[in-house]
Structures are given as C-alpha cells and as structure tokens.
C-alpha cells in the first residue's frame, strides 16, 4: 500500500479545488477507513478498491 503523498506525486490521486482526494483512474472521491488500533488513516477508492495510507 502506497502513501497518499506518493499517490499524489505519481498521479494516481488528484486533489480538487476543495482539497478533496480523488482516484485519477475512476475519478471517484476517496472514502476513509479508520482502524482504532493503527496510526493513520486508509483512503480507499470505492470504485476500484485501490488503497493509500495517510499518516498524520
């Protein structure tokens, strides 16, 4: 699983005017999955299922 920063740099993720993250391939806004036992957040594309980890 890549980080959100690496996804933004590689073009897999895009930010819109309101700083919302979206999958470049599906053009869907990313959903958030929070696991209380882990540090950080997992961002998931609801269309293709690709995941990126967001720390901090």
PDB file of N, CA and C in Angstrom:
ATOM      1  N   UNK A   1       0.841  -1.167   0.000  1.00  0.00           N
ATOM      2  CA  UNK A   1       0.000   0.000   0.000  1.00  0.00           C
ATOM      3  C   UNK A   1       0.895   1.241   0.000  1.00  0.00           C
ATOM      4  N   UNK A   2       0.675   2.120  -0.951  1.00  0.00           N
ATOM      5  CA  UNK A   2       1.446   3.355  -1.065  1.00  0.00           C
ATOM      6  C   UNK A   2       0.872   4.415  -0.123  1.00  0.00           C
ATOM      7  N   UNK A   3       1.673   5.437   0.131  1.00  0.00           N
ATOM      8  CA  UNK A   3       1.187   6.563   0.920  1.00  0.00           C
ATOM      9  C   UNK A   3       0.413   7.513   0.003  1.00  0.00           C
ATOM     10  N   UNK A   4      -0.384   8.368   0.620  1.00  0.00           N
ATOM     11  CA  UNK A   4      -1.148   9.355  -0.130  1.00  0.00           C
ATOM     12  C   UNK A   4      -0.196  10.298  -0.862  1.00  0.00           C
ATOM     13  N   UNK A   5       0.896  10.689  -0.211  1.00  0.00           N
ATOM     14  CA  UNK A   5       1.870  11.580  -0.857  1.00  0.00           C
ATOM     15  C   UNK A   5       2.458  10.973  -2.126  1.00  0.00           C
ATOM     16  N   UNK A   6       2.828   9.694  -2.057  1.00  0.00           N
ATOM     17  CA  UNK A   6       3.382   9.032  -3.243  1.00  0.00           C
ATOM     18  C   UNK A   6       2.328   8.922  -4.331  1.00  0.00           C
ATOM     19  N   UNK A   7       1.086   8.686  -3.949  1.00  0.00           N
ATOM     20  CA  UNK A   7      -0.005   8.621  -4.912  1.00  0.00           C
ATOM     21  C   UNK A   7      -0.228   9.949  -5.610  1.00  0.00           C
ATOM     22  N   UNK A   8      -0.117  11.049  -4.853  1.00  0.00           N
ATOM     23  CA  UNK A   8      -0.260  12.381  -5.449  1.00  0.00           C
ATOM     24  C   UNK A   8       0.882  12.675  -6.409  1.00  0.00           C
ATOM     25  N   UNK A   9       2.108  12.324  -6.002  1.00  0.00           N
ATOM     26  CA  UNK A   9       3.278  12.586  -6.860  1.00  0.00           C
ATOM     27  C   UNK A   9       3.232  11.776  -8.146  1.00  0.00           C
ATOM     28  N   UNK A  10       2.773  10.519  -8.060  1.00  0.00           N
ATOM     29  CA  UNK A  10       2.761   9.654  -9.239  1.00  0.00           C
ATOM     30  C   UNK A  10       1.549   9.896 -10.136  1.00  0.00           C
ATOM     31  N   UNK A  11       0.583  10.676  -9.649  1.00  0.00           N
ATOM     32  CA  UNK A  11      -0.595  10.972 -10.463  1.00  0.00           C
ATOM     33  C   UNK A  11      -1.733   9.992 -10.277  1.00  0.00           C
ATOM     34  N   UNK A  12      -1.620   9.071  -9.316  1.00  0.00           N
ATOM     35  CA  UNK A  12      -2.708   8.124  -9.058  1.00  0.00           C
ATOM     36  C   UNK A  12      -3.863   8.781  -8.321  1.00  0.00           C
ATOM     37  N   UNK A  13      -3.557   9.848  -7.561  1.00  0.00           N
ATOM     38  CA  UNK A  13      -4.556  10.583  -6.795  1.00  0.00           C
ATOM     39  C   UNK A  13      -4.485  12.046  -7.220  1.00  0.00           C
ATOM     40  N   UNK A  14      -5.641  12.694  -7.241  1.00  0.00           N
ATOM     41  CA  UNK A  14      -5.712  14.123  -7.550  1.00  0.00           C
ATOM     42  C   UNK A  14      -6.455  14.838  -6.428  1.00  0.00           C
ATOM     43  N   UNK A  15      -6.140  16.118  -6.251  1.00  0.00           N
ATOM     44  CA  UNK A  15      -6.873  16.958  -5.315  1.00  0.00           C
ATOM     45  C   UNK A  15      -7.721  17.931  -6.113  1.00  0.00           C
ATOM     46  N   UNK A  16      -8.946  18.175  -5.640  1.00  0.00           N
ATOM     47  CA  UNK A  16      -9.785  19.164  -6.309  1.00  0.00           C
ATOM     48  C   UNK A  16      -9.617  20.523  -5.635  1.00  0.00           C
ATOM     49  N   UNK A  17     -10.414  21.479  -6.010  1.00  0.00           N
ATOM     50  CA  UNK A  17     -10.322  22.843  -5.507  1.00  0.00           C
ATOM     51  C   UNK A  17     -10.515  22.886  -3.987  1.00  0.00           C
ATOM     52  N   UNK A  18     -11.297  21.979  -3.453  1.00  0.00           N
ATOM     53  CA  UNK A  18     -11.601  21.952  -2.024  1.00  0.00           C
ATOM     54  C   UNK A  18     -10.695  21.006  -1.242  1.00  0.00           C
ATOM     55  N   UNK A  19      -9.566  20.581  -1.860  1.00  0.00           N
ATOM     56  CA  UNK A  19      -8.569  19.703  -1.233  1.00  0.00           C
ATOM     57  C   UNK A  19      -9.090  18.287  -0.969  1.00  0.00           C
ATOM     58  N   UNK A  20     -10.164  17.877  -1.654  1.00  0.00           N
ATOM     59  CA  UNK A  20     -10.660  16.509  -1.526  1.00  0.00           C
ATOM     60  C   UNK A  20      -9.831  15.608  -2.432  1.00  0.00           C
ATOM     61  N   UNK A  21      -9.550  14.397  -1.964  1.00  0.00           N
ATOM     62  CA  UNK A  21      -8.751  13.447  -2.735  1.00  0.00           C
ATOM     63  C   UNK A  21      -9.665  12.598  -3.608  1.00  0.00           C
ATOM     64  N   UNK A  22      -9.221  12.348  -4.843  1.00  0.00           N
ATOM     65  CA  UNK A  22      -9.988  11.533  -5.777  1.00  0.00           C
ATOM     66  C   UNK A  22      -9.040  10.622  -6.553  1.00  0.00           C
ATOM     67  N   UNK A  23      -9.507   9.437  -6.888  1.00  0.00           N
ATOM     68  CA  UNK A  23      -8.746   8.477  -7.689  1.00  0.00           C
ATOM     69  C   UNK A  23      -8.681   9.012  -9.125  1.00  0.00           C
ATOM     70  N   UNK A  24      -7.494   9.088  -9.686  1.00  0.00           N
ATOM     71  CA  UNK A  24      -7.334   9.605 -11.048  1.00  0.00           C
ATOM     72  C   UNK A  24      -7.940   8.679 -12.087  1.00  0.00           C
ATOM     73  N   UNK A  25      -7.862   7.398 -11.846  1.00  0.00           N
ATOM     74  CA  UNK A  25      -8.361   6.416 -12.813  1.00  0.00           C
ATOM     75  C   UNK A  25      -9.889   6.413 -12.882  1.00  0.00           C
ATOM     76  N   UNK A  26     -10.547   6.401 -11.708  1.00  0.00           N
ATOM     77  CA  UNK A  26     -12.007   6.292 -11.656  1.00  0.00           C
ATOM     78  C   UNK A  26     -12.701   7.640 -11.505  1.00  0.00           C
ATOM     79  N   UNK A  27     -11.945   8.655 -11.112  1.00  0.00           N
ATOM     80  CA  UNK A  27     -12.466   9.988 -10.838  1.00  0.00           C
ATOM     81  C   UNK A  27     -13.506   9.982  -9.724  1.00  0.00           C
ATOM     82  N   UNK A  28     -13.359   9.045  -8.775  1.00  0.00           N
ATOM     83  CA  UNK A  28     -14.239   8.951  -7.616  1.00  0.00           C
ATOM     84  C   UNK A  28     -13.545   9.530  -6.394  1.00  0.00           C
ATOM     85  N   UNK A  29     -14.292  10.197  -5.522  1.00  0.00           N
ATOM     86  CA  UNK A  29     -13.738  10.719  -4.281  1.00  0.00           C
ATOM     87  C   UNK A  29     -13.391   9.551  -3.359  1.00  0.00           C
ATOM     88  N   UNK A  30     -12.252   9.647  -2.688  1.00  0.00           N
ATOM     89  CA  UNK A  30     -11.788   8.562  -1.836  1.00  0.00           C
ATOM     90  C   UNK A  30     -12.549   8.521  -0.520  1.00  0.00           C
ATOM     91  N   UNK A  31     -12.894   7.313  -0.086  1.00  0.00           N
ATOM     92  CA  UNK A  31     -13.531   7.099   1.208  1.00  0.00           C
ATOM     93  C   UNK A  31     -12.444   6.914   2.264  1.00  0.00           C
ATOM     94  N   UNK A  32     -12.816   7.031   3.535  1.00  0.00           N
ATOM     95  CA  UNK A  32     -11.873   6.925   4.633  1.00  0.00           C
ATOM     96  C   UNK A  32     -12.198   5.720   5.484  1.00  0.00           C
ATOM     97  N   UNK A  33     -11.171   4.938   5.820  1.00  0.00           N
ATOM     98  CA  UNK A  33     -11.320   3.822   6.746  1.00  0.00           C
ATOM     99  C   UNK A  33     -10.398   4.070   7.933  1.00  0.00           C
ATOM    100  N   UNK A  34     -10.948   4.142   9.135  1.00  0.00           N
ATOM    101  CA  UNK A  34     -10.160   4.361  10.334  1.00  0.00           C
ATOM    102  C   UNK A  34     -10.115   3.090  11.165  1.00  0.00           C
ATOM    103  N   UNK A  35      -8.918   2.611  11.451  1.00  0.00           N
ATOM    104  CA  UNK A  35      -8.720   1.467  12.335  1.00  0.00           C
ATOM    105  C   UNK A  35      -8.201   2.021  13.663  1.00  0.00           C
ATOM    106  N   UNK A  36      -8.959   1.884  14.749  1.00  0.00           N
ATOM    107  CA  UNK A  36      -8.532   2.477  16.018  1.00  0.00           C
ATOM    108  C   UNK A  36      -7.238   1.894  16.576  1.00  0.00           C
ATOM    109  N   UNK A  37      -6.825   0.725  16.112  1.00  0.00           N
ATOM    110  CA  UNK A  37      -5.608   0.087  16.610  1.00  0.00           C
ATOM    111  C   UNK A  37      -4.363   0.511  15.848  1.00  0.00           C
ATOM    112  N   UNK A  38      -4.508   1.251  14.752  1.00  0.00           N
ATOM    113  CA  UNK A  38      -3.367   1.660  13.945  1.00  0.00           C
ATOM    114  C   UNK A  38      -3.268   3.173  13.872  1.00  0.00           C
ATOM    115  N   UNK A  39      -2.039   3.651  13.646  1.00  0.00           N
ATOM    116  CA  UNK A  39      -1.807   5.075  13.474  1.00  0.00           C
ATOM    117  C   UNK A  39      -2.058   5.427  12.021  1.00  0.00           C
ATOM    118  N   UNK A  40      -2.783   6.506  11.794  1.00  0.00           N
ATOM    119  CA  UNK A  40      -3.045   6.937  10.426  1.00  0.00           C
ATOM    120  C   UNK A  40      -4.411   6.509   9.939  1.00  0.00           C
ATOM    121  N   UNK A  41      -4.663   6.815   8.693  1.00  0.00           N
ATOM    122  CA  UNK A  41      -5.944   6.558   8.050  1.00  0.00           C
ATOM    123  C   UNK A  41      -5.702   5.888   6.714  1.00  0.00           C
ATOM    124  N   UNK A  42      -6.595   5.013   6.312  1.00  0.00           N
ATOM    125  CA  UNK A  42      -6.508   4.387   4.996  1.00  0.00           C
ATOM    126  C   UNK A  42      -7.561   5.031   4.109  1.00  0.00           C
ATOM    127  N   UNK A  43      -7.131   5.541   2.953  1.00  0.00           N
ATOM    128  CA  UNK A  43      -8.036   6.143   1.971  1.00  0.00           C
ATOM    129  C   UNK A  43      -8.275   5.120   0.877  1.00  0.00           C
ATOM    130  N   UNK A  44      -9.540   4.873   0.534  1.00  0.00           N
ATOM    131  CA  UNK A  44      -9.920   3.810  -0.396  1.00  0.00           C
ATOM    132  C   UNK A  44     -10.804   4.366  -1.501  1.00  0.00           C
ATOM    133  N   UNK A  45     -10.526   3.938  -2.732  1.00  0.00           N
ATOM    134  CA  UNK A  45     -11.397   4.276  -3.857  1.00  0.00           C
ATOM    135  C   UNK A  45     -12.580   3.300  -3.847  1.00  0.00           C
ATOM    136  N   UNK A  46     -13.811   3.796  -3.750  1.00  0.00           N
ATOM    137  CA  UNK A  46     -14.965   2.895  -3.715  1.00  0.00           C
ATOM    138  C   UNK A  46     -15.203   2.165  -5.034  1.00  0.00           C
ATOM    139  N   UNK A  47     -14.687   2.692  -6.138  1.00  0.00           N
ATOM    140  CA  UNK A  47     -14.897   2.092  -7.460  1.00  0.00           C
ATOM    141  C   UNK A  47     -13.942   0.935  -7.723  1.00  0.00           C
ATOM    142  N   UNK A  48     -12.625   1.174  -7.609  1.00  0.00           N
ATOM    143  CA  UNK A  48     -11.636   0.153  -7.973  1.00  0.00           C
ATOM    144  C   UNK A  48     -11.018  -0.560  -6.764  1.00  0.00           C
ATOM    145  N   UNK A  49     -11.210  -0.013  -5.551  1.00  0.00           N
ATOM    146  CA  UNK A  49     -10.698  -0.665  -4.359  1.00  0.00           C
ATOM    147  C   UNK A  49      -9.240  -0.375  -4.036  1.00  0.00           C
ATOM    148  N   UNK A  50      -8.588   0.484  -4.799  1.00  0.00           N
ATOM    149  CA  UNK A  50      -7.189   0.865  -4.537  1.00  0.00           C
ATOM    150  C   UNK A  50      -7.106   1.574  -3.193  1.00  0.00           C
ATOM    151  N   UNK A  51      -6.009   1.336  -2.451  1.00  0.00           N
ATOM    152  CA  UNK A  51      -5.854   1.907  -1.121  1.00  0.00           C
ATOM    153  C   UNK A  51      -4.554   2.683  -0.987  1.00  0.00           C
ATOM    154  N   UNK A  52      -4.616   3.768  -0.201  1.00  0.00           N
ATOM    155  CA  UNK A  52      -3.444   4.574   0.113  1.00  0.00           C
ATOM    156  C   UNK A  52      -3.482   4.883   1.600  1.00  0.00           C
ATOM    157  N   UNK A  53      -2.322   4.895   2.238  1.00  0.00           N
ATOM    158  CA  UNK A  53      -2.243   5.171   3.668  1.00  0.00           C
ATOM    159  C   UNK A  53      -1.892   6.635   3.892  1.00  0.00           C
ATOM    160  N   UNK A  54      -2.620   7.265   4.822  1.00  0.00           N
ATOM    161  CA  UNK A  54      -2.399   8.667   5.155  1.00  0.00           C
ATOM    162  C   UNK A  54      -2.016   8.754   6.618  1.00  0.00           C
ATOM    163  N   UNK A  55      -0.795   9.228   6.880  1.00  0.00           N
ATOM    164  CA  UNK A  55      -0.321   9.361   8.247  1.00  0.00           C
ATOM    165  C   UNK A  55      -0.322  10.832   8.616  1.00  0.00           C
ATOM    166  N   UNK A  56      -0.919  11.124   9.754  1.00  0.00           N
ATOM    167  CA  UNK A  56      -0.899  12.494  10.281  1.00  0.00           C
ATOM    168  C   UNK A  56      -1.865  13.406   9.721  1.00  0.00           C
TER     169      UNK A  56
END
